[in-house]
Amino acid sequence: MSEFASVSMLHDLLRRLRTNSGWVAAQFWATLLIVLAAAAWTRVPEKHWWQVGLTLLLPLLILAAVLVLEAGTMRGFLQSDERSVRFAWGALTLFVWIAVVWLAWWVLDWCDDQIPQWASYLNSRAPAHVRARYFTYEHISHWLTILEWIFRWIVVPAKAIPLAMASTQWGGGLPWRKLLRTLLNWRWWIAAVIAALVGVLLPSYFFNGEPHGSVTHQVWAVSLKLAGAYLLAIVSWVLLLAWAAVLLTRDEHKPQSTDDDGLFFAPTAAGPRKENSIKLPLPESGDDAGGNI
């Protein structure tokens, strides 16, 4: 049954991606426009009053575009049968979770700055023979860096994404039972790990190594690497959002006919001895079809 459920959930995932192809496409081109606008914002001079006003207005427009894009994508993927809040209110609640993630990352940045001190302290507290071979400063620093990366790119997003999606759809009345079920689902954490590895860790290796070749070759190489990193990140993000929507609403969209993508049992009726039996159609010919001819 677990294999049948997994196949049905994958079909549901593909269906949500197909029915929300507009929002999926917007994740690629609108996100690129937002990134370019953010880069242009850092280059705006501040010599005239209108330039100062533009530097204050542009961040608000970028934030509004991000809220509309992500809230629309999340609500489109959810396709919940339950009553939802208005789009504007759902988008504003998404801002709260962005602030929560930013605060968590600020704490992780502080922890990242403390890694050298913590590694030195843990190294000094270990026994001499262990400190020399296993608990060296380099090993401990590397382990703490990996732990900080796991919290930044797996733990924090895996906990925040279902909460953010639910708030865009239902506002403050969050379905805590559904959220708890999703957060405790091993399928969700596997997806979060894969998304972090493919969308974050893998692109980081694109820029390893020394540049070589002509200037034109290096420009093209960097451009292709940036494009590849961008595509991997967006694809991972879109698939993770769609998968979270499947897990959050998997009990709402139950198949009602044989045309549905899910698997289900045929209805049965109780027999004369209270045993389950299946009602069969009567034959269409002969004496049993409706009397003698």
Protein backbone atom coordinates (compact mmCIF):
# COMPACT_ATOMS: atom_id res chain seq x y z
CA MET A 1 0.00 0.00 0.00
CA SER A 2 2.88 2.41 0.66
CA GLU A 3 4.10 1.93 -2.92
CA PHE A 4 0.60 2.61 -4.28
CA ALA A 5 0.36 5.73 -2.13
CA SER A 6 3.74 6.97 -3.34
CA VAL A 7 2.73 6.50 -6.98
CA SER A 8 -0.55 8.33 -6.37
CA MET A 9 1.29 11.20 -4.68
CA LEU A 10 3.73 11.48 -7.58
CA HIS A 11 0.79 11.66 -9.98
CA ASP A 12 -0.69 14.37 -7.80
CA LEU A 13 2.63 16.24 -7.89
CA LEU A 14 2.73 16.18 -11.69
CA ARG A 15 -0.90 17.25 -11.88
CA ARG A 16 -0.27 20.29 -9.69
CA LEU A 17 2.75 21.27 -11.77
CA ARG A 18 0.74 20.90 -14.96
CA THR A 19 -2.32 22.82 -13.80
CA ASN A 20 -0.15 25.66 -12.42
CA SER A 21 2.23 25.94 -15.36
CA GLY A 22 1.75 29.71 -15.39
CA TRP A 23 3.03 30.13 -11.84
CA VAL A 24 5.82 27.64 -12.53
CA ALA A 25 6.96 29.70 -15.52
CA ALA A 26 6.69 32.86 -13.43
CA GLN A 27 9.07 31.35 -10.89
CA PHE A 28 11.74 31.29 -13.61
CA TRP A 29 11.31 34.61 -15.40
CA ALA A 30 9.83 36.72 -12.58
CA THR A 31 12.51 35.63 -10.13
CA LEU A 32 15.15 36.58 -12.70
CA LEU A 33 13.58 40.01 -13.09
CA ILE A 34 13.50 40.44 -9.31
CA VAL A 35 17.18 39.51 -9.04
CA LEU A 36 18.08 41.96 -11.80
CA ALA A 37 16.02 44.69 -10.13
CA ALA A 38 17.78 44.03 -6.83
CA ALA A 39 21.17 44.28 -8.58
CA ALA A 40 20.11 47.54 -10.24
CA TRP A 41 18.98 48.92 -6.87
CA THR A 42 22.53 48.65 -5.55
CA ARG A 43 23.78 50.73 -8.51
CA VAL A 44 21.32 53.63 -8.21
CA PRO A 45 23.19 56.87 -7.40
CA GLU A 46 21.92 59.25 -4.73
CA LYS A 47 22.82 62.64 -6.16
CA HIS A 48 19.26 63.90 -6.78
CA TRP A 49 16.07 63.74 -4.77
CA TRP A 50 14.33 61.42 -7.22
CA GLN A 51 17.27 59.01 -7.02
CA VAL A 52 16.98 58.96 -3.24
CA GLY A 53 13.26 58.31 -3.55
CA LEU A 54 13.93 55.51 -6.02
CA THR A 55 16.36 53.84 -3.63
CA LEU A 56 13.61 53.86 -0.99
CA LEU A 57 10.77 52.79 -3.29
CA LEU A 58 12.52 50.04 -5.23
CA PRO A 59 13.04 47.70 -2.21
CA LEU A 60 9.34 47.94 -1.39
CA LEU A 61 8.41 47.07 -4.96
CA ILE A 62 10.82 44.14 -4.94
CA LEU A 63 9.38 42.85 -1.66
CA ALA A 64 5.82 43.20 -2.98
CA ALA A 65 6.76 41.29 -6.14
CA VAL A 66 8.30 38.49 -4.08
CA LEU A 67 5.21 38.22 -1.87
CA VAL A 68 2.83 38.12 -4.87
CA LEU A 69 4.95 35.57 -6.74
CA GLU A 70 5.47 33.18 -3.85
CA ALA A 71 1.99 33.52 -2.37
CA GLY A 72 0.38 32.95 -5.77
CA THR A 73 2.54 29.89 -6.43
CA MET A 74 1.88 28.39 -3.01
CA ARG A 75 -1.87 28.95 -3.19
CA GLY A 76 -1.99 27.55 -6.70
CA PHE A 77 -0.15 24.41 -5.67
CA LEU A 78 -2.32 23.82 -2.60
CA GLN A 79 -5.64 23.70 -4.48
CA SER A 80 -7.34 23.13 -1.14
CA ASP A 81 -11.04 22.34 -0.87
CA GLU A 82 -11.24 24.26 2.39
CA ARG A 83 -12.17 27.92 2.59
CA SER A 84 -9.19 30.21 2.12
CA VAL A 85 -8.42 33.78 3.11
CA ARG A 86 -8.09 36.61 0.63
CA PHE A 87 -4.99 36.73 -1.53
CA ALA A 88 -3.74 40.01 -0.06
CA TRP A 89 -3.99 38.71 3.50
CA GLY A 90 -2.29 35.45 2.58
CA ALA A 91 0.57 37.34 0.93
CA LEU A 92 1.03 39.55 4.00
CA THR A 93 1.20 36.53 6.31
CA LEU A 94 3.99 35.21 4.10
CA PHE A 95 6.01 38.28 5.07
CA VAL A 96 5.94 37.08 8.68
CA TRP A 97 7.60 33.78 7.77
CA ILE A 98 10.19 35.56 5.65
CA ALA A 99 11.06 37.56 8.75
CA VAL A 100 11.25 34.37 10.82
CA VAL A 101 13.64 32.77 8.32
CA TRP A 102 15.74 35.95 8.23
CA LEU A 103 15.97 35.91 12.03
CA ALA A 104 16.99 32.24 12.02
CA TRP A 105 19.67 32.95 9.42
CA TRP A 106 20.91 35.90 11.50
CA VAL A 107 21.38 33.53 14.43
CA LEU A 108 23.18 31.07 12.16
CA ASP A 109 25.45 33.86 10.89
CA TRP A 110 26.36 34.60 14.50
CA CYS A 111 27.05 30.91 15.09
CA ASP A 112 29.21 30.83 11.97
CA ASP A 113 31.35 33.62 13.40
CA GLN A 114 31.74 31.67 16.64
CA ILE A 115 32.91 28.43 14.99
CA PRO A 116 36.65 29.19 15.35
CA GLN A 117 36.25 29.83 19.07
CA TRP A 118 34.05 26.79 19.63
CA ALA A 119 36.40 24.57 17.66
CA SER A 120 39.36 25.81 19.67
CA TYR A 121 37.55 25.25 22.96
CA LEU A 122 36.34 21.73 22.08
CA ASN A 123 39.80 20.85 20.86
CA SER A 124 41.35 21.98 24.13
CA ARG A 125 38.88 19.94 26.21
CA ALA A 126 39.55 16.66 24.40
CA PRO A 127 42.16 14.16 25.67
CA ALA A 128 45.67 14.57 24.26
CA HIS A 129 45.70 11.47 22.02
CA VAL A 130 42.15 12.16 20.75
CA ARG A 131 42.94 15.84 20.21
CA ALA A 132 45.96 15.01 18.10
CA ARG A 133 44.25 12.56 15.73
CA TYR A 134 40.47 12.95 15.71
CA PHE A 135 39.30 16.07 17.52
CA THR A 136 41.74 18.36 15.80
CA TYR A 137 40.90 22.01 15.30
CA GLU A 138 40.41 21.47 11.55
CA HIS A 139 38.11 18.48 12.04
CA ILE A 140 35.92 20.17 14.63
CA SER A 141 35.72 23.35 12.58
CA HIS A 142 34.70 21.34 9.53
CA TRP A 143 32.04 19.40 11.47
CA LEU A 144 30.55 22.58 12.93
CA THR A 145 30.49 24.19 9.48
CA ILE A 146 28.58 21.20 8.08
CA LEU A 147 26.15 21.33 11.01
CA GLU A 148 25.54 25.03 10.43
CA TRP A 149 24.92 24.36 6.71
CA ILE A 150 22.40 21.63 7.54
CA PHE A 151 20.44 23.96 9.80
CA ARG A 152 20.57 26.82 7.29
CA TRP A 153 19.57 24.96 4.13
CA ILE A 154 17.61 21.92 5.40
CA VAL A 155 16.18 22.32 8.91
CA VAL A 156 15.03 25.95 8.71
CA PRO A 157 13.48 25.73 5.20
CA ALA A 158 11.89 22.33 5.93
CA LYS A 159 10.10 23.76 8.95
CA ALA A 160 9.24 27.17 7.49
CA ILE A 161 7.93 26.16 4.05
CA PRO A 162 4.86 24.15 5.21
CA LEU A 163 3.98 26.86 7.72
CA ALA A 164 4.34 29.60 5.11
CA MET A 165 2.25 27.69 2.56
CA ALA A 166 -0.51 27.06 5.08
CA SER A 167 -0.61 30.72 6.13
CA THR A 168 -0.95 31.93 2.52
CA GLN A 169 -4.03 29.71 2.16
CA TRP A 170 -5.66 29.80 5.59
CA GLY A 171 -4.15 32.88 7.24
CA GLY A 172 -3.95 32.72 11.02
CA GLY A 173 -6.16 29.65 11.30
CA LEU A 174 -3.41 27.16 10.55
CA PRO A 175 -4.33 23.47 10.28
CA TRP A 176 -1.91 22.26 12.93
CA ARG A 177 -2.82 18.59 12.49
CA LYS A 178 -1.92 18.72 8.79
CA LEU A 179 1.22 20.69 9.52
CA LEU A 180 2.38 18.28 12.19
CA ARG A 181 1.69 15.33 9.91
CA THR A 182 3.76 16.94 7.14
CA LEU A 183 6.63 17.93 9.42
CA LEU A 184 6.85 14.38 10.76
CA ASN A 185 6.62 12.77 7.33
CA TRP A 186 9.89 11.17 6.23
CA ARG A 187 9.02 11.88 2.59
CA TRP A 188 9.09 15.60 3.30
CA TRP A 189 12.52 15.50 4.91
CA ILE A 190 13.95 13.38 2.09
CA ALA A 191 12.67 15.97 -0.38
CA ALA A 192 14.17 18.81 1.68
CA VAL A 193 17.57 17.09 1.75
CA ILE A 194 17.53 16.43 -2.01
CA ALA A 195 16.48 20.02 -2.75
CA ALA A 196 19.31 21.39 -0.61
CA LEU A 197 21.89 19.12 -2.22
CA VAL A 198 20.75 19.80 -5.79
CA GLY A 199 19.77 23.44 -5.49
CA VAL A 200 22.46 24.72 -3.12
CA LEU A 201 25.39 22.35 -2.69
CA LEU A 202 25.77 21.17 -6.29
CA PRO A 203 25.88 24.69 -7.83
CA SER A 204 28.59 25.69 -5.35
CA TYR A 205 30.96 23.25 -7.06
CA PHE A 206 30.47 25.01 -10.40
CA PHE A 207 32.74 27.83 -9.34
CA ASN A 208 35.58 25.73 -7.91
CA GLY A 209 38.90 25.71 -9.67
CA GLU A 210 41.09 28.36 -11.24
CA PRO A 211 39.82 30.23 -14.33
CA HIS A 212 41.64 29.48 -17.56
CA GLY A 213 41.40 30.36 -21.23
CA SER A 214 40.78 33.70 -22.87
CA VAL A 215 38.69 36.46 -21.37
CA THR A 216 35.81 35.67 -23.72
CA HIS A 217 35.97 32.01 -22.74
CA GLN A 218 35.92 32.87 -19.05
CA VAL A 219 32.93 35.19 -19.51
CA TRP A 220 30.96 32.48 -21.30
CA ALA A 221 31.97 29.88 -18.73
CA VAL A 222 30.85 32.06 -15.83
CA SER A 223 27.58 32.91 -17.61
CA LEU A 224 26.78 29.24 -18.21
CA LYS A 225 27.65 28.37 -14.62
CA LEU A 226 25.38 31.13 -13.31
CA ALA A 227 22.57 29.98 -15.59
CA GLY A 228 22.98 26.37 -14.48
CA ALA A 229 23.05 27.33 -10.80
CA TYR A 230 19.94 29.50 -11.26
CA LEU A 231 17.99 26.75 -13.04
CA LEU A 232 18.91 24.11 -10.46
CA ALA A 233 17.89 26.40 -7.60
CA ILE A 234 14.52 27.34 -9.13
CA VAL A 235 13.69 23.77 -10.16
CA SER A 236 14.47 22.53 -6.64
CA TRP A 237 12.39 25.31 -5.11
CA VAL A 238 9.36 24.70 -7.36
CA LEU A 239 9.40 20.93 -6.84
CA LEU A 240 9.76 21.36 -3.08
CA LEU A 241 6.76 23.72 -2.94
CA ALA A 242 4.63 21.36 -5.02
CA TRP A 243 5.62 18.38 -2.89
CA ALA A 244 4.76 20.27 0.30
CA ALA A 245 1.33 21.02 -1.17
CA VAL A 246 0.80 17.33 -1.95
CA LEU A 247 1.62 16.32 1.62
CA LEU A 248 -0.49 19.08 3.17
CA THR A 249 -3.66 18.30 1.20
CA ARG A 250 -3.28 14.62 0.36
CA ASP A 251 -6.49 13.71 2.27
CA GLU A 252 -8.63 16.36 0.54
CA HIS A 253 -8.40 15.13 -3.06
CA LYS A 254 -9.57 11.55 -2.90
CA PRO A 255 -10.39 9.82 -6.16
CA GLN A 256 -14.06 9.54 -7.01
CA SER A 257 -13.88 7.70 -10.35
CA THR A 258 -11.66 5.39 -12.30
CA ASP A 259 -10.33 8.38 -14.23
CA ASP A 260 -8.59 9.76 -11.15
CA ASP A 261 -4.89 9.32 -10.66
CA GLY A 262 -5.22 7.54 -7.30
CA LEU A 263 -5.83 3.92 -6.46
CA PHE A 264 -8.89 2.86 -4.49
CA PHE A 265 -10.96 -0.14 -3.51
CA ALA A 266 -14.25 -1.04 -5.18
CA PRO A 267 -17.30 -0.68 -2.90
CA THR A 268 -18.74 -3.86 -1.46
CA ALA A 269 -22.09 -4.74 0.05
CA ALA A 270 -22.93 -6.99 2.97
CA GLY A 271 -24.14 -10.50 2.04
CA PRO A 272 -26.93 -12.47 3.69
CA ARG A 273 -24.50 -13.85 6.26
CA LYS A 274 -22.93 -10.44 6.97
CA GLU A 275 -20.05 -11.27 4.67
CA ASN A 276 -18.63 -8.78 2.24
CA SER A 277 -19.73 -9.49 -1.32
CA ILE A 278 -19.74 -7.57 -4.59
CA LYS A 279 -22.99 -6.81 -6.39
CA LEU A 280 -22.81 -8.12 -9.95
CA PRO A 281 -25.01 -6.80 -12.80
CA LEU A 282 -27.84 -9.01 -14.02
CA PRO A 283 -27.46 -10.61 -17.45
CA GLU A 284 -29.03 -8.71 -20.32
CA SER A 285 -30.43 -11.80 -22.11
CA GLY A 286 -32.27 -14.93 -21.16
CA ASP A 287 -35.01 -15.52 -18.64
CA ASP A 288 -33.23 -13.59 -15.92
CA ALA A 289 -33.07 -10.40 -17.94
CA GLY A 290 -36.59 -9.40 -17.13
CA GLY A 291 -38.99 -12.33 -17.61
CA ASN A 292 -39.83 -14.92 -20.26
CA ILE A 293 -40.15 -13.80 -23.86
